[in-house]
């Protein structure tokens, strides 16, 4: 079965995005991030981009993912 991906938040930078992804993973929620602008180039070379990162989850996990984010204080 295919699910639609929905954006649940925009992280401030790559570091915050990775923390969000790890927390969602620990809660059994698969997620992915999408770099804004050309941040992937900075992230590739180990720099911490401050351009923002969009976080996406499957539509069936969106409500639970938002609850996890709220638990993180986001």
PDB file of N, CA and C in Angstrom:
ATOM      1  N   UNK A   1       0.843  -1.183   0.000  1.00  0.00           N
ATOM      2  CA  UNK A   1       0.000   0.000   0.000  1.00  0.00           C
ATOM      3  C   UNK A   1       0.887   1.245   0.000  1.00  0.00           C
ATOM      4  N   UNK A   2       0.567   2.204  -0.830  1.00  0.00           N
ATOM      5  CA  UNK A   2       1.338   3.442  -0.921  1.00  0.00           C
ATOM      6  C   UNK A   2       0.723   4.509  -0.022  1.00  0.00           C
ATOM      7  N   UNK A   3       1.577   5.278   0.592  1.00  0.00           N
ATOM      8  CA  UNK A   3       1.134   6.365   1.461  1.00  0.00           C
ATOM      9  C   UNK A   3       1.661   7.682   0.924  1.00  0.00           C
ATOM     10  N   UNK A   4       0.911   8.741   1.178  1.00  0.00           N
ATOM     11  CA  UNK A   4       1.376  10.074   0.825  1.00  0.00           C
ATOM     12  C   UNK A   4       2.314  10.562   1.918  1.00  0.00           C
ATOM     13  N   UNK A   5       3.345  11.286   1.518  1.00  0.00           N
ATOM     14  CA  UNK A   5       4.259  11.885   2.483  1.00  0.00           C
ATOM     15  C   UNK A   5       3.756  13.285   2.807  1.00  0.00           C
ATOM     16  N   UNK A   6       3.743  13.622   4.087  1.00  0.00           N
ATOM     17  CA  UNK A   6       3.294  14.942   4.521  1.00  0.00           C
ATOM     18  C   UNK A   6       4.401  15.605   5.335  1.00  0.00           C
ATOM     19  N   UNK A   7       4.524  16.913   5.162  1.00  0.00           N
ATOM     20  CA  UNK A   7       5.522  17.670   5.919  1.00  0.00           C
ATOM     21  C   UNK A   7       4.965  17.927   7.309  1.00  0.00           C
ATOM     22  N   UNK A   8       5.739  17.580   8.333  1.00  0.00           N
ATOM     23  CA  UNK A   8       5.273  17.811   9.699  1.00  0.00           C
ATOM     24  C   UNK A   8       5.968  18.997  10.351  1.00  0.00           C
ATOM     25  N   UNK A   9       7.135  19.386   9.826  1.00  0.00           N
ATOM     26  CA  UNK A   9       7.808  20.564  10.375  1.00  0.00           C
ATOM     27  C   UNK A   9       8.991  20.939   9.490  1.00  0.00           C
ATOM     28  N   UNK A  10       9.551  22.090   9.781  1.00  0.00           N
ATOM     29  CA  UNK A  10      10.797  22.514   9.159  1.00  0.00           C
ATOM     30  C   UNK A  10      11.802  22.736  10.273  1.00  0.00           C
ATOM     31  N   UNK A  11      12.847  21.924  10.285  1.00  0.00           N
ATOM     32  CA  UNK A  11      13.902  22.062  11.287  1.00  0.00           C
ATOM     33  C   UNK A  11      14.749  23.285  10.955  1.00  0.00           C
ATOM     34  N   UNK A  12      15.339  23.872  11.981  1.00  0.00           N
ATOM     35  CA  UNK A  12      16.147  25.071  11.784  1.00  0.00           C
ATOM     36  C   UNK A  12      17.418  24.794  10.992  1.00  0.00           C
ATOM     37  N   UNK A  13      18.000  23.613  11.223  1.00  0.00           N
ATOM     38  CA  UNK A  13      19.259  23.275  10.559  1.00  0.00           C
ATOM     39  C   UNK A  13      19.409  21.763  10.494  1.00  0.00           C
ATOM     40  N   UNK A  14      20.511  21.307   9.919  1.00  0.00           N
ATOM     41  CA  UNK A  14      20.749  19.877   9.748  1.00  0.00           C
ATOM     42  C   UNK A  14      20.846  19.153  11.087  1.00  0.00           C
ATOM     43  N   UNK A  15      21.468  19.762  12.066  1.00  0.00           N
ATOM     44  CA  UNK A  15      21.617  19.131  13.377  1.00  0.00           C
ATOM     45  C   UNK A  15      20.256  18.860  14.009  1.00  0.00           C
ATOM     46  N   UNK A  16      19.385  19.853  14.019  1.00  0.00           N
ATOM     47  CA  UNK A  16      18.049  19.664  14.577  1.00  0.00           C
ATOM     48  C   UNK A  16      17.271  18.624  13.772  1.00  0.00           C
ATOM     49  N   UNK A  17      17.419  18.641  12.463  1.00  0.00           N
ATOM     50  CA  UNK A  17      16.723  17.667  11.616  1.00  0.00           C
ATOM     51  C   UNK A  17      17.154  16.247  11.955  1.00  0.00           C
ATOM     52  N   UNK A  18      18.446  16.031  12.151  1.00  0.00           N
ATOM     53  CA  UNK A  18      18.944  14.696  12.492  1.00  0.00           C
ATOM     54  C   UNK A  18      18.427  14.247  13.858  1.00  0.00           C
ATOM     55  N   UNK A  19      18.334  15.170  14.812  1.00  0.00           N
ATOM     56  CA  UNK A  19      17.790  14.819  16.130  1.00  0.00           C
ATOM     57  C   UNK A  19      16.318  14.435  16.016  1.00  0.00           C
ATOM     58  N   UNK A  20      15.574  15.154  15.189  1.00  0.00           N
ATOM     59  CA  UNK A  20      14.160  14.836  14.976  1.00  0.00           C
ATOM     60  C   UNK A  20      14.020  13.465  14.329  1.00  0.00           C
ATOM     61  N   UNK A  21      14.798  13.210  13.277  1.00  0.00           N
ATOM     62  CA  UNK A  21      14.730  11.918  12.594  1.00  0.00           C
ATOM     63  C   UNK A  21      15.047  10.769  13.547  1.00  0.00           C
ATOM     64  N   UNK A  22      16.054  10.941  14.378  1.00  0.00           N
ATOM     65  CA  UNK A  22      16.440   9.889  15.325  1.00  0.00           C
ATOM     66  C   UNK A  22      15.341   9.646  16.359  1.00  0.00           C
ATOM     67  N   UNK A  23      14.732  10.706  16.854  1.00  0.00           N
ATOM     68  CA  UNK A  23      13.659  10.561  17.839  1.00  0.00           C
ATOM     69  C   UNK A  23      12.442   9.889  17.216  1.00  0.00           C
ATOM     70  N   UNK A  24      12.096  10.277  16.003  1.00  0.00           N
ATOM     71  CA  UNK A  24      10.976   9.628  15.323  1.00  0.00           C
ATOM     72  C   UNK A  24      11.278   8.147  15.104  1.00  0.00           C
ATOM     73  N   UNK A  25      12.498   7.835  14.690  1.00  0.00           N
ATOM     74  CA  UNK A  25      12.899   6.445  14.464  1.00  0.00           C
ATOM     75  C   UNK A  25      12.767   5.627  15.748  1.00  0.00           C
ATOM     76  N   UNK A  26      13.206   6.193  16.869  1.00  0.00           N
ATOM     77  CA  UNK A  26      13.106   5.498  18.158  1.00  0.00           C
ATOM     78  C   UNK A  26      11.656   5.249  18.557  1.00  0.00           C
ATOM     79  N   UNK A  27      10.747   6.052  18.012  1.00  0.00           N
ATOM     80  CA  UNK A  27       9.324   5.893  18.283  1.00  0.00           C
ATOM     81  C   UNK A  27       8.620   5.091  17.194  1.00  0.00           C
ATOM     82  N   UNK A  28       9.399   4.454  16.336  1.00  0.00           N
ATOM     83  CA  UNK A  28       8.837   3.589  15.302  1.00  0.00           C
ATOM     84  C   UNK A  28       8.178   4.315  14.147  1.00  0.00           C
ATOM     85  N   UNK A  29       8.602   5.559  13.910  1.00  0.00           N
ATOM     86  CA  UNK A  29       8.019   6.365  12.834  1.00  0.00           C
ATOM     87  C   UNK A  29       9.094   6.646  11.782  1.00  0.00           C
ATOM     88  N   UNK A  30       9.023   5.992  10.626  1.00  0.00           N
ATOM     89  CA  UNK A  30       9.984   6.297   9.558  1.00  0.00           C
ATOM     90  C   UNK A  30       9.780   7.728   9.062  1.00  0.00           C
ATOM     91  N   UNK A  31      10.870   8.414   8.793  1.00  0.00           N
ATOM     92  CA  UNK A  31      10.790   9.799   8.336  1.00  0.00           C
ATOM     93  C   UNK A  31      11.959  10.089   7.411  1.00  0.00           C
ATOM     94  N   UNK A  32      11.830  11.176   6.668  1.00  0.00           N
ATOM     95  CA  UNK A  32      12.925  11.631   5.825  1.00  0.00           C
ATOM     96  C   UNK A  32      12.983  13.141   5.868  1.00  0.00           C
ATOM     97  N   UNK A  33      14.127  13.670   5.465  1.00  0.00           N
ATOM     98  CA  UNK A  33      14.297  15.124   5.440  1.00  0.00           C
ATOM     99  C   UNK A  33      14.621  15.574   4.032  1.00  0.00           C
ATOM    100  N   UNK A  34      14.258  16.811   3.761  1.00  0.00           N
ATOM    101  CA  UNK A  34      14.570  17.415   2.464  1.00  0.00           C
ATOM    102  C   UNK A  34      15.235  18.751   2.729  1.00  0.00           C
ATOM    103  N   UNK A  35      16.419  18.917   2.180  1.00  0.00           N
ATOM    104  CA  UNK A  35      17.164  20.158   2.370  1.00  0.00           C
ATOM    105  C   UNK A  35      16.493  21.299   1.622  1.00  0.00           C
ATOM    106  N   UNK A  36      16.472  22.451   2.246  1.00  0.00           N
ATOM    107  CA  UNK A  36      15.996  23.651   1.574  1.00  0.00           C
ATOM    108  C   UNK A  36      17.179  24.318   0.880  1.00  0.00           C
ATOM    109  N   UNK A  37      16.902  25.067  -0.143  1.00  0.00           N
ATOM    110  CA  UNK A  37      17.902  25.781  -0.933  1.00  0.00           C
ATOM    111  C   UNK A  37      18.949  24.776  -1.426  1.00  0.00           C
ATOM    112  N   UNK A  38      20.228  25.048  -1.225  1.00  0.00           N
ATOM    113  CA  UNK A  38      21.301  24.133  -1.619  1.00  0.00           C
ATOM    114  C   UNK A  38      22.049  23.627  -0.396  1.00  0.00           C
ATOM    115  N   UNK A  39      21.331  23.426   0.685  1.00  0.00           N
ATOM    116  CA  UNK A  39      21.953  23.017   1.942  1.00  0.00           C
ATOM    117  C   UNK A  39      22.630  21.661   1.848  1.00  0.00           C
ATOM    118  N   UNK A  40      22.186  20.814   0.924  1.00  0.00           N
ATOM    119  CA  UNK A  40      22.786  19.484   0.832  1.00  0.00           C
ATOM    120  C   UNK A  40      24.279  19.550   0.541  1.00  0.00           C
ATOM    121  N   UNK A  41      24.723  20.597  -0.144  1.00  0.00           N
ATOM    122  CA  UNK A  41      26.149  20.743  -0.435  1.00  0.00           C
ATOM    123  C   UNK A  41      26.916  20.985   0.863  1.00  0.00           C
ATOM    124  N   UNK A  42      26.404  21.866   1.710  1.00  0.00           N
ATOM    125  CA  UNK A  42      27.060  22.114   2.993  1.00  0.00           C
ATOM    126  C   UNK A  42      27.044  20.866   3.864  1.00  0.00           C
ATOM    127  N   UNK A  43      25.902  20.183   3.900  1.00  0.00           N
ATOM    128  CA  UNK A  43      25.781  18.977   4.717  1.00  0.00           C
ATOM    129  C   UNK A  43      26.724  17.884   4.227  1.00  0.00           C
ATOM    130  N   UNK A  44      26.929  17.813   2.923  1.00  0.00           N
ATOM    131  CA  UNK A  44      27.819  16.811   2.336  1.00  0.00           C
ATOM    132  C   UNK A  44      29.241  16.967   2.858  1.00  0.00           C
ATOM    133  N   UNK A  45      29.670  18.202   3.042  1.00  0.00           N
ATOM    134  CA  UNK A  45      31.039  18.462   3.483  1.00  0.00           C
ATOM    135  C   UNK A  45      31.155  18.653   4.992  1.00  0.00           C
ATOM    136  N   UNK A  46      30.107  18.293   5.730  1.00  0.00           N
ATOM    137  CA  UNK A  46      30.178  18.316   7.186  1.00  0.00           C
ATOM    138  C   UNK A  46      29.838  19.642   7.827  1.00  0.00           C
ATOM    139  N   UNK A  47      29.506  20.632   7.041  1.00  0.00           N
ATOM    140  CA  UNK A  47      29.095  21.910   7.618  1.00  0.00           C
ATOM    141  C   UNK A  47      27.642  21.809   8.060  1.00  0.00           C
ATOM    142  N   UNK A  48      27.263  22.623   9.012  1.00  0.00           N
ATOM    143  CA  UNK A  48      25.885  22.616   9.482  1.00  0.00           C
ATOM    144  C   UNK A  48      25.128  23.741   8.795  1.00  0.00           C
ATOM    145  N   UNK A  49      24.319  23.386   7.839  1.00  0.00           N
ATOM    146  CA  UNK A  49      23.546  24.378   7.105  1.00  0.00           C
ATOM    147  C   UNK A  49      22.493  24.999   8.007  1.00  0.00           C
ATOM    148  N   UNK A  50      22.317  26.279   7.925  1.00  0.00           N
ATOM    149  CA  UNK A  50      21.285  26.967   8.689  1.00  0.00           C
ATOM    150  C   UNK A  50      20.109  27.346   7.819  1.00  0.00           C
ATOM    151  N   UNK A  51      19.963  26.676   6.687  1.00  0.00           N
ATOM    152  CA  UNK A  51      18.921  27.015   5.717  1.00  0.00           C
ATOM    153  C   UNK A  51      17.589  26.345   6.006  1.00  0.00           C
ATOM    154  N   UNK A  52      17.579  25.365   6.868  1.00  0.00           N
ATOM    155  CA  UNK A  52      16.343  24.658   7.175  1.00  0.00           C
ATOM    156  C   UNK A  52      16.251  23.325   6.462  1.00  0.00           C
ATOM    157  N   UNK A  53      15.524  22.412   7.094  1.00  0.00           N
ATOM    158  CA  UNK A  53      15.328  21.063   6.566  1.00  0.00           C
ATOM    159  C   UNK A  53      13.872  20.681   6.813  1.00  0.00           C
ATOM    160  N   UNK A  54      13.173  20.291   5.773  1.00  0.00           N
ATOM    161  CA  UNK A  54      11.784  19.859   5.923  1.00  0.00           C
ATOM    162  C   UNK A  54      11.755  18.392   6.333  1.00  0.00           C
ATOM    163  N   UNK A  55      10.888  18.061   7.290  1.00  0.00           N
ATOM    164  CA  UNK A  55      10.751  16.694   7.780  1.00  0.00           C
ATOM    165  C   UNK A  55       9.418  16.139   7.292  1.00  0.00           C
ATOM    166  N   UNK A  56       9.473  14.942   6.685  1.00  0.00           N
ATOM    167  CA  UNK A  56       8.283  14.299   6.129  1.00  0.00           C
ATOM    168  C   UNK A  56       8.078  12.923   6.750  1.00  0.00           C
ATOM    169  N   UNK A  57       6.798  12.563   6.935  1.00  0.00           N
ATOM    170  CA  UNK A  57       6.409  11.220   7.378  1.00  0.00           C
ATOM    171  C   UNK A  57       5.231  10.769   6.529  1.00  0.00           C
ATOM    172  N   UNK A  58       4.945   9.466   6.575  1.00  0.00           N
ATOM    173  CA  UNK A  58       3.761   8.948   5.882  1.00  0.00           C
ATOM    174  C   UNK A  58       2.513   9.528   6.533  1.00  0.00           C
ATOM    175  N   UNK A  59       1.500   9.778   5.721  1.00  0.00           N
ATOM    176  CA  UNK A  59       0.280  10.406   6.234  1.00  0.00           C
ATOM    177  C   UNK A  59      -0.334   9.652   7.411  1.00  0.00           C
ATOM    178  N   UNK A  60      -0.215   8.338   7.441  1.00  0.00           N
ATOM    179  CA  UNK A  60      -0.810   7.572   8.541  1.00  0.00           C
ATOM    180  C   UNK A  60      -0.054   7.758   9.857  1.00  0.00           C
ATOM    181  N   UNK A  61       1.173   8.265   9.793  1.00  0.00           N
ATOM    182  CA  UNK A  61       1.974   8.490  10.999  1.00  0.00           C
ATOM    183  C   UNK A  61       2.024   9.952  11.426  1.00  0.00           C
ATOM    184  N   UNK A  62       1.394  10.832  10.675  1.00  0.00           N
ATOM    185  CA  UNK A  62       1.538  12.269  10.906  1.00  0.00           C
ATOM    186  C   UNK A  62       1.083  12.695  12.298  1.00  0.00           C
ATOM    187  N   UNK A  63      -0.066  12.250  12.731  1.00  0.00           N
ATOM    188  CA  UNK A  63      -0.591  12.678  14.037  1.00  0.00           C
ATOM    189  C   UNK A  63       0.356  12.253  15.162  1.00  0.00           C
ATOM    190  N   UNK A  64       0.793  11.004  15.115  1.00  0.00           N
ATOM    191  CA  UNK A  64       1.701  10.498  16.153  1.00  0.00           C
ATOM    192  C   UNK A  64       3.051  11.218  16.092  1.00  0.00           C
ATOM    193  N   UNK A  65       3.522  11.516  14.888  1.00  0.00           N
ATOM    194  CA  UNK A  65       4.797  12.223  14.729  1.00  0.00           C
ATOM    195  C   UNK A  65       4.724  13.624  15.325  1.00  0.00           C
ATOM    196  N   UNK A  66       3.617  14.305  15.118  1.00  0.00           N
ATOM    197  CA  UNK A  66       3.447  15.647  15.688  1.00  0.00           C
ATOM    198  C   UNK A  66       3.449  15.565  17.213  1.00  0.00           C
ATOM    199  N   UNK A  67       2.842  14.533  17.772  1.00  0.00           N
ATOM    200  CA  UNK A  67       2.860  14.348  19.227  1.00  0.00           C
ATOM    201  C   UNK A  67       4.288  14.147  19.733  1.00  0.00           C
ATOM    202  N   UNK A  68       5.090  13.398  18.993  1.00  0.00           N
ATOM    203  CA  UNK A  68       6.489  13.197  19.366  1.00  0.00           C
ATOM    204  C   UNK A  68       7.228  14.532  19.335  1.00  0.00           C
ATOM    205  N   UNK A  69       6.990  15.329  18.299  1.00  0.00           N
ATOM    206  CA  UNK A  69       7.634  16.645  18.199  1.00  0.00           C
ATOM    207  C   UNK A  69       7.234  17.537  19.365  1.00  0.00           C
ATOM    208  N   UNK A  70       5.968  17.502  19.730  1.00  0.00           N
ATOM    209  CA  UNK A  70       5.506  18.297  20.870  1.00  0.00           C
ATOM    210  C   UNK A  70       6.211  17.848  22.145  1.00  0.00           C
ATOM    211  N   UNK A  71       6.430  16.542  22.275  1.00  0.00           N
ATOM    212  CA  UNK A  71       7.164  16.015  23.419  1.00  0.00           C
ATOM    213  C   UNK A  71       8.613  16.479  23.452  1.00  0.00           C
ATOM    214  N   UNK A  72       9.148  16.804  22.284  1.00  0.00           N
ATOM    215  CA  UNK A  72      10.514  17.329  22.184  1.00  0.00           C
ATOM    216  C   UNK A  72      10.554  18.835  22.433  1.00  0.00           C
ATOM    217  N   UNK A  73       9.389  19.446  22.556  1.00  0.00           N
ATOM    218  CA  UNK A  73       9.332  20.888  22.750  1.00  0.00           C
ATOM    219  C   UNK A  73       9.371  21.676  21.456  1.00  0.00           C
ATOM    220  N   UNK A  74       9.049  21.023  20.347  1.00  0.00           N
ATOM    221  CA  UNK A  74       9.063  21.703  19.036  1.00  0.00           C
ATOM    222  C   UNK A  74       7.663  22.029  18.575  1.00  0.00           C
TER     223      UNK A  74
END
